C-alpha atoms as a PDB file:
ATOM      1  CA  MET A   1       0.498  -0.057  -0.100  1.00  0.00           C
ATOM      2  CA  ASN A   2       1.558   2.693  -1.117  1.00  0.00           C
ATOM      3  CA  THR A   3       0.930   6.593   0.932  1.00  0.00           C
ATOM      4  CA  PHE A   4       3.593   8.805   2.001  1.00  0.00           C
ATOM      5  CA  ALA A   5       4.276   7.265   5.480  1.00  0.00           C
ATOM      6  CA  SER A   6       6.426   4.856   3.297  1.00  0.00           C
ATOM      7  CA  ALA A   7       7.694   7.449   0.734  1.00  0.00           C
ATOM      8  CA  LYS A   8      11.821   8.050   0.691  1.00  0.00           C
ATOM      9  CA  GLY A   9      13.403  11.815   0.089  1.00  0.00           C
ATOM     10  CA  SER A  10      15.336  14.547   2.404  1.00  0.00           C
ATOM     11  CA  SER A  11      12.254  16.710   2.807  1.00  0.00           C
ATOM     12  CA  SER A  12      12.186  17.790   6.403  1.00  0.00           C
ATOM     13  CA  PHE A  13       8.729  17.626   6.381  1.00  0.00           C
ATOM     14  CA  PHE A  14       7.766  14.381   5.510  1.00  0.00           C
ATOM     15  CA  ASN A  15      10.520  13.500   8.553  1.00  0.00           C
ATOM     16  CA  PHE A  16       8.678  15.236  11.037  1.00  0.00           C
ATOM     17  CA  LEU A  17       5.492  13.603   9.866  1.00  0.00           C
ATOM     18  CA  ASN A  18       7.827  10.200  10.613  1.00  0.00           C
ATOM     19  CA  SER A  19       9.157  10.964  13.510  1.00  0.00           C
ATOM     20  CA  ASP A  20       8.735   9.339  17.118  1.00  0.00           C
ATOM     21  CA  PHE A  21       7.364  12.893  17.860  1.00  0.00           C
ATOM     22  CA  THR A  22       4.412  11.881  15.657  1.00  0.00           C
ATOM     23  CA  ARG A  23       4.328   8.400  15.739  1.00  0.00           C
ATOM     24  CA  PRO A  24       0.502   6.732  17.618  1.00  0.00           C
ATOM     25  CA  GLN A  25       1.012   6.165  21.368  1.00  0.00           C
ATOM     26  CA  PRO A  26      -2.008   3.877  23.090  1.00  0.00           C
ATOM     27  CA  THR A  27      -2.901   5.369  25.671  1.00  0.00           C
ATOM     28  CA  GLN A  28      -3.453   8.397  23.000  1.00  0.00           C
ATOM     29  CA  ASP A  29      -6.539   8.217  22.994  1.00  0.00           C
ATOM     30  CA  ALA A  30      -7.212   6.931  25.986  1.00  0.00           C
ATOM     31  CA  ASP A  31      -5.782   9.520  27.927  1.00  0.00           C
ATOM     32  CA  LEU A  32      -7.461  12.577  26.062  1.00  0.00           C
ATOM     33  CA  LEU A  33     -10.859  11.315  26.890  1.00  0.00           C
ATOM     34  CA  LYS A  34      -9.856  11.178  30.323  1.00  0.00           C
ATOM     35  CA  HIS A  35      -8.646  14.710  30.610  1.00  0.00           C
ATOM     36  CA  LEU A  36     -11.298  15.827  27.987  1.00  0.00           C
ATOM     37  CA  SER A  37     -13.942  13.569  29.521  1.00  0.00           C
ATOM     38  CA  PHE A  38     -16.414  17.226  29.954  1.00  0.00           C
ATOM     39  CA  LEU A  39     -16.788  17.281  26.778  1.00  0.00           C
ATOM     40  CA  PRO A  40     -19.960  16.095  24.748  1.00  0.00           C
ATOM     41  CA  GLY A  41     -19.149  13.221  21.909  1.00  0.00           C
ATOM     42  CA  LEU A  42     -15.639  13.303  22.768  1.00  0.00           C
ATOM     43  CA  LYS A  43     -16.071   9.313  23.013  1.00  0.00           C
ATOM     44  CA  GLU A  44     -17.658   8.593  20.185  1.00  0.00           C
ATOM     45  CA  ILE A  45     -15.428  11.100  17.574  1.00  0.00           C
ATOM     46  CA  LEU A  46     -12.591   8.942  19.148  1.00  0.00           C
ATOM     47  CA  MET A  47     -14.592   5.940  18.428  1.00  0.00           C
ATOM     48  CA  LEU A  48     -15.733   6.913  15.173  1.00  0.00           C
ATOM     49  CA  ARG A  49     -11.425   7.987  14.408  1.00  0.00           C
ATOM     50  CA  GLN A  50     -10.606   4.537  15.039  1.00  0.00           C
ATOM     51  CA  VAL A  51     -13.068   2.417  14.190  1.00  0.00           C
ATOM     52  CA  HIS A  52     -12.787   4.307  10.635  1.00  0.00           C
ATOM     53  CA  ALA A  53      -8.795   2.834  10.562  1.00  0.00           C
ATOM     54  CA  LEU A  54      -9.961  -0.436  11.200  1.00  0.00           C
ATOM     55  CA  GLU A  55     -12.095  -0.164   8.341  1.00  0.00           C
ATOM     56  CA  HIS A  56      -9.695   0.594   6.359  1.00  0.00           C
ATOM     57  CA  ALA A  57      -7.481  -1.946   7.139  1.00  0.00           C
ATOM     58  CA  THR A  58      -9.841  -4.669   6.983  1.00  0.00           C
ATOM     59  CA  VAL A  59     -10.360  -4.321   3.574  1.00  0.00           C
ATOM     60  CA  TRP A  60      -6.770  -4.286   2.432  1.00  0.00           C
ATOM     61  CA  ILE A  61      -6.644  -7.044   3.672  1.00  0.00           C
ATOM     62  CA  LEU A  62     -10.164  -8.828   2.304  1.00  0.00           C
ATOM     63  CA  SER A  63      -9.431  -6.877  -1.256  1.00  0.00           C
ATOM     64  CA  ALA A  64      -5.103  -8.889  -1.272  1.00  0.00           C
ATOM     65  CA  SER A  65      -7.254 -11.700   0.425  1.00  0.00           C
ATOM     66  CA  LYS A  66      -8.967 -12.424  -2.441  1.00  0.00           C
ATOM     67  CA  ASN A  67      -6.594 -11.235  -4.870  1.00  0.00           C
ATOM     68  CA  VAL A  68      -4.561 -14.398  -4.343  1.00  0.00           C
ATOM     69  CA  GLN A  69      -7.468 -16.763  -4.024  1.00  0.00           C
ATOM     70  CA  ALA A  70      -8.503 -15.510  -7.357  1.00  0.00           C
ATOM     71  CA  SER A  71      -4.920 -15.620  -9.132  1.00  0.00           C
ATOM     72  CA  THR A  72      -3.780 -18.869  -7.601  1.00  0.00           C
ATOM     73  CA  GLY A  73      -8.039 -21.132  -6.370  1.00  0.00           C
ATOM     74  CA  LYS A  74      -5.779 -21.260  -3.191  1.00  0.00           C
ATOM     75  CA  PRO A  75      -6.384 -19.189  -0.210  1.00  0.00           C
ATOM     76  CA  THR A  76      -2.991 -17.459   1.481  1.00  0.00           C
ATOM     77  CA  ARG A  77      -1.461 -16.025   4.447  1.00  0.00           C
ATOM     78  CA  SER A  78       0.447 -13.729   2.787  1.00  0.00           C
ATOM     79  CA  SER A  79      -0.986  -9.507   2.198  1.00  0.00           C
ATOM     80  CA  ASN A  80      -0.098  -7.293  -0.650  1.00  0.00           C
ATOM     81  CA  PHE A  81      -1.117  -4.768  -0.007  1.00  0.00           C
ATOM     82  CA  GLN A  82      -1.003  -2.885  -2.955  1.00  0.00           C
ATOM     83  CA  VAL A  83      -4.200  -4.262  -4.282  1.00  0.00           C
ATOM     84  CA  ASP A  84      -7.618  -3.000  -4.387  1.00  0.00           C
ATOM     85  CA  ASN A  85     -10.798  -4.673  -4.483  1.00  0.00           C
ATOM     86  CA  GLU A  86     -12.328  -1.962  -5.258  1.00  0.00           C
ATOM     87  CA  LEU A  87     -15.763  -4.021  -4.831  1.00  0.00           C
ATOM     88  CA  LEU A  88     -15.183  -3.832  -1.080  1.00  0.00           C
ATOM     89  CA  GLY A  89     -16.212  -0.426   0.547  1.00  0.00           C
ATOM     90  CA  GLY A  90     -17.420   0.657   4.094  1.00  0.00           C
ATOM     91  CA  LEU A  91     -18.369   3.067   6.380  1.00  0.00           C
ATOM     92  CA  SER A  92     -17.329   3.697   9.471  1.00  0.00           C
ATOM     93  CA  THR A  93     -20.211   4.620  12.957  1.00  0.00           C
ATOM     94  CA  GLU A  94     -19.134   5.403  16.576  1.00  0.00           C
ATOM     95  CA  GLN A  95     -20.076   1.357  17.312  1.00  0.00           C
ATOM     96  CA  GLY A  96     -19.233  -0.069  13.806  1.00  0.00           C
ATOM     97  CA  PHE A  97     -18.563  -0.130  10.101  1.00  0.00           C
ATOM     98  CA  TYR A  98     -20.695  -1.864   7.527  1.00  0.00           C
ATOM     99  CA  LEU A  99     -18.623  -3.566   4.889  1.00  0.00           C
ATOM    100  CA  TYR A 100     -20.167  -3.825   1.213  1.00  0.00           C
ATOM    101  CA  GLY A 101     -19.324  -6.749  -1.225  1.00  0.00           C
ATOM    102  CA  GLU A 102     -19.350 -10.236  -1.555  1.00  0.00           C
ATOM    103  CA  VAL A 103     -17.048 -11.925   1.421  1.00  0.00           C
ATOM    104  CA  ASN A 104     -17.358 -15.225   2.975  1.00  0.00           C
ATOM    105  CA  VAL A 105     -18.096 -14.115   7.149  1.00  0.00           C
ATOM    106  CA  SER A 106     -15.404 -16.022   7.872  1.00  0.00           C
ATOM    107  CA  ASP A 107     -13.416 -14.119   5.679  1.00  0.00           C
ATOM    108  CA  LEU A 108     -13.988 -11.051   7.058  1.00  0.00           C
ATOM    109  CA  ARG A 109     -14.280 -11.931  10.222  1.00  0.00           C
ATOM    110  CA  ARG A 110     -10.079 -13.113  10.343  1.00  0.00           C
ATOM    111  CA  ALA A 111      -9.329 -10.378   8.248  1.00  0.00           C
ATOM    112  CA  VAL A 112     -11.082  -7.824  10.657  1.00  0.00           C
ATOM    113  CA  THR A 113      -8.779  -9.806  13.648  1.00  0.00           C
ATOM    114  CA  LEU A 114      -5.799  -9.533  11.672  1.00  0.00           C
ATOM    115  CA  ALA A 115      -6.590  -6.212  10.618  1.00  0.00           C
ATOM    116  CA  LEU A 116      -7.108  -5.263  14.269  1.00  0.00           C
ATOM    117  CA  HIS A 117      -3.592  -6.931  15.054  1.00  0.00           C
ATOM    118  CA  ARG A 118      -1.585  -5.219  12.534  1.00  0.00           C
ATOM    119  CA  LEU A 119      -2.636  -1.762  13.284  1.00  0.00           C
ATOM    120  CA  LYS A 120      -1.744  -1.840  16.710  1.00  0.00           C
ATOM    121  CA  ASN A 121       2.054  -3.620  15.845  1.00  0.00           C
ATOM    122  CA  GLY A 122       3.381  -0.556  13.435  1.00  0.00           C
ATOM    123  CA  GLU A 123       1.616  -1.533  10.266  1.00  0.00           C
ATOM    124  CA  TRP A 124       0.388   2.171  10.508  1.00  0.00           C
ATOM    125  CA  ASP A 125      -0.475   2.654   7.191  1.00  0.00           C
ATOM    126  CA  LEU A 126      -3.153   0.342   6.843  1.00  0.00           C
ATOM    127  CA  ALA A 127      -5.731   3.015   8.057  1.00  0.00           C
ATOM    128  CA  VAL A 128      -4.979   5.090   5.381  1.00  0.00           C
ATOM    129  CA  HIS A 129      -6.899   4.068   1.101  1.00  0.00           C
ATOM    130  CA  PRO A 130      -7.117   6.116  -1.750  1.00  0.00           C
ATOM    131  CA  ARG A 131     -11.242   5.525  -1.575  1.00  0.00           C
ATOM    132  CA  CYS A 132     -11.953   6.898   1.492  1.00  0.00           C
ATOM    133  CA  GLY A 133     -14.435   9.943   1.335  1.00  0.00           C
ATOM    134  CA  THR A 134     -11.874  11.961   2.626  1.00  0.00           C
ATOM    135  CA  ASN A 135     -10.234  11.799  -0.484  1.00  0.00           C
ATOM    136  CA  ALA A 136     -12.849  13.351  -2.150  1.00  0.00           C
ATOM    137  CA  SER A 137     -13.725  15.965   0.363  1.00  0.00           C
ATOM    138  CA  VAL A 138      -9.945  17.395  -0.171  1.00  0.00           C
ATOM    139  CA  ALA A 139     -10.104  17.216  -4.081  1.00  0.00           C
ATOM    140  CA  MET A 140     -12.984  19.022  -4.132  1.00  0.00           C
ATOM    141  CA  LEU A 141     -11.830  22.045  -1.213  1.00  0.00           C
ATOM    142  CA  LEU A 142      -8.466  22.098  -3.283  1.00  0.00           C
ATOM    143  CA  THR A 143     -10.509  22.640  -6.920  1.00  0.00           C
ATOM    144  CA  ALA A 144     -13.071  25.006  -5.026  1.00  0.00           C
ATOM    145  CA  GLY A 145      -9.917  27.011  -2.934  1.00  0.00           C
ATOM    146  CA  LEU A 146      -7.834  27.152  -6.575  1.00  0.00           C
ATOM    147  CA  ALA A 147     -11.144  28.078  -8.795  1.00  0.00           C
ATOM    148  CA  VAL A 148     -11.594  30.890  -6.452  1.00  0.00           C
ATOM    149  CA  GLY A 149      -8.056  31.607  -6.290  1.00  0.00           C
ATOM    150  CA  VAL A 150      -6.839  32.053 -10.263  1.00  0.00           C
ATOM    151  CA  HIS A 151     -11.123  33.834 -10.937  1.00  0.00           C
ATOM    152  CA  LEU A 152      -9.158  36.878  -8.365  1.00  0.00           C
ATOM    153  CA  LEU A 153      -5.229  36.419  -9.112  1.00  0.00           C
ATOM    154  CA  LEU A 154      -5.864  36.326 -13.164  1.00  0.00           C
ATOM    155  CA  PRO A 155      -7.312  38.567 -16.502  1.00  0.00           C
ATOM    156  CA  ARG A 156     -11.186  38.160 -16.244  1.00  0.00           C
ATOM    157  CA  GLY A 157     -11.139  38.110 -19.723  1.00  0.00           C
ATOM    158  CA  PRO A 158     -13.242  34.461 -20.955  1.00  0.00           C
ATOM    159  CA  ILE A 159      -9.776  32.853 -22.208  1.00  0.00           C
ATOM    160  CA  GLU A 160      -7.868  33.229 -19.585  1.00  0.00           C
ATOM    161  CA  GLN A 161     -10.880  32.460 -17.120  1.00  0.00           C
ATOM    162  CA  LEU A 162     -11.475  28.995 -18.755  1.00  0.00           C
ATOM    163  CA  ILE A 163      -7.055  28.040 -19.194  1.00  0.00           C
ATOM    164  CA  GLY A 164      -7.632  28.995 -14.859  1.00  0.00           C
ATOM    165  CA  MET A 165     -10.151  26.960 -14.801  1.00  0.00           C
ATOM    166  CA  GLY A 166      -8.482  24.271 -15.856  1.00  0.00           C
ATOM    167  CA  MET A 167      -5.089  24.939 -14.306  1.00  0.00           C
ATOM    168  CA  ALA A 168      -6.744  24.347 -11.156  1.00  0.00           C
ATOM    169  CA  THR A 169      -8.758  21.525 -11.479  1.00  0.00           C
ATOM    170  CA  THR A 170      -5.639  19.494 -12.717  1.00  0.00           C
ATOM    171  CA  THR A 171      -3.715  20.634  -9.809  1.00  0.00           C
ATOM    172  CA  ALA A 172      -6.496  20.165  -7.232  1.00  0.00           C
ATOM    173  CA  ALA A 173      -6.152  16.471  -8.414  1.00  0.00           C
ATOM    174  CA  GLU A 174      -2.714  15.968  -8.272  1.00  0.00           C
ATOM    175  CA  LEU A 175      -2.091  16.888  -4.666  1.00  0.00           C
ATOM    176  CA  ALA A 176      -5.834  15.242  -2.948  1.00  0.00           C
ATOM    177  CA  PRO A 177      -4.329  12.285  -3.342  1.00  0.00           C
ATOM    178  CA  GLU A 178      -0.786  12.722  -0.857  1.00  0.00           C
ATOM    179  CA  ILE A 179      -3.363  15.628   1.330  1.00  0.00           C
ATOM    180  CA  GLY A 180      -5.754  13.495   2.116  1.00  0.00           C
ATOM    181  CA  ALA A 181      -3.716  10.959   3.239  1.00  0.00           C
ATOM    182  CA  LEU A 182      -2.063  13.161   5.322  1.00  0.00           C
ATOM    183  CA  VAL A 183      -5.500  13.902   6.438  1.00  0.00           C
ATOM    184  CA  GLN A 184      -6.580  10.506   6.615  1.00  0.00           C
ATOM    185  CA  ARG A 185      -4.407   9.644   9.016  1.00  0.00           C
ATOM    186  CA  TYR A 186      -3.944  12.452  11.529  1.00  0.00           C
ATOM    187  CA  LEU A 187      -7.676  13.881  11.324  1.00  0.00           C
ATOM    188  CA  THR A 188     -10.457  11.639  10.316  1.00  0.00           C
ATOM    189  CA  THR A 189      -8.813   7.633  11.520  1.00  0.00           C
ATOM    190  CA  SER A 190      -6.451   6.878  14.657  1.00  0.00           C
ATOM    191  CA  ILE A 191      -4.951   3.740  16.190  1.00  0.00           C
ATOM    192  CA  PRO A 192      -7.633   1.605  17.204  1.00  0.00           C
ATOM    193  CA  PHE A 193      -5.909   0.380  20.540  1.00  0.00           C
ATOM    194  CA  ASN A 194      -8.700   0.949  22.350  1.00  0.00           C
ATOM    195  CA  LEU A 195     -11.618  -1.458  19.670  1.00  0.00           C
ATOM    196  CA  LYS A 196     -12.725  -4.644  21.138  1.00  0.00           C
ATOM    197  CA  ILE A 197     -14.276  -6.355  18.092  1.00  0.00           C
ATOM    198  CA  GLU A 198     -17.449  -7.592  19.691  1.00  0.00           C
ATOM    199  CA  ASN A 199     -19.903  -9.013  16.802  1.00  0.00           C
ATOM    200  CA  ILE A 200     -20.583  -9.423  12.998  1.00  0.00           C
ATOM    201  CA  THR A 201     -23.558  -9.548  11.655  1.00  0.00           C
ATOM    202  CA  HIS A 202     -25.958  -9.467   8.384  1.00  0.00           C
ATOM    203  CA  THR A 203     -27.802  -6.454   8.664  1.00  0.00           C
ATOM    204  CA  ARG A 204     -29.300  -3.887   6.359  1.00  0.00           C
ATOM    205  CA  ASP A 205     -27.978  -0.130   6.527  1.00  0.00           C
ATOM    206  CA  LEU A 206     -29.683   2.653   7.119  1.00  0.00           C
ATOM    207  CA  TRP A 207     -30.379   3.129   2.847  1.00  0.00           C
ATOM    208  CA  GLY A 208     -31.976  -0.231   3.662  1.00  0.00           C
ATOM    209  CA  ARG A 209     -28.712  -1.487   1.817  1.00  0.00           C
ATOM    210  CA  GLN A 210     -27.480  -5.575   2.673  1.00  0.00           C
ATOM    211  CA  ALA A 211     -24.411  -5.399   4.384  1.00  0.00           C
ATOM    212  CA  TYR A 212     -21.947  -6.549   7.256  1.00  0.00           C
ATOM    213  CA  PHE A 213     -21.216  -4.606  10.460  1.00  0.00           C
ATOM    214  CA  VAL A 214     -18.461  -5.476  12.364  1.00  0.00           C
ATOM    215  CA  GLN A 215     -19.685  -4.426  15.915  1.00  0.00           C
ATOM    216  CA  VAL A 216     -16.764  -2.587  18.328  1.00  0.00           C
ATOM    217  CA  GLU A 217     -16.063  -1.798  21.916  1.00  0.00           C
ATOM    218  CA  TRP A 218     -14.289   0.786  24.011  1.00  0.00           C
ATOM    219  CA  ARG A 219     -11.377  -0.664  26.235  1.00  0.00           C
ATOM    220  CA  GLU A 220      -9.071   1.205  27.818  1.00  0.00           C
END
């Protein structure tokens, strides 16, 4: 799985992002909740971020497993996290996440357990996924911001404005994956150090779509 965290380079900014100072700590969310427990909804926000990471990691593992089985006809324990099965998707809530797509419940149970284990043991890149809605939101915000910028900076002629819009859209598309990955890693996801898998059920979501729901529980 390629993310900014695996990039090699001399940039001091990315070195800082990968430094010990920014590495997730097992007690960070529990400590935050302990000191700021008076804030309404804080626990739900912290749970949602951890569930979001677990959802992404589960999709990566299921995608890798399905790709290997399709090519060899046999299941395997090895995983290639560059593989993404676009037929799988997820939706996170503060109580767990919905998993969409054709998947065996036994495979899902193994994938969730493995995802939780690997995230807790240092494979933090699994928390970031390129098809996350965060990336789409970042792309829209970048496009809007750059479009306003070029509109104000460039001459008001239609040709200049059209060229500026094209430049804004192209630039936003180039920047969105990296910035979206940063936003995921430091804002919309968190390593699930405090989550325990409770149950997996076949159900329907709020819109009536069939899915598996992976229910989790918070523990200190």
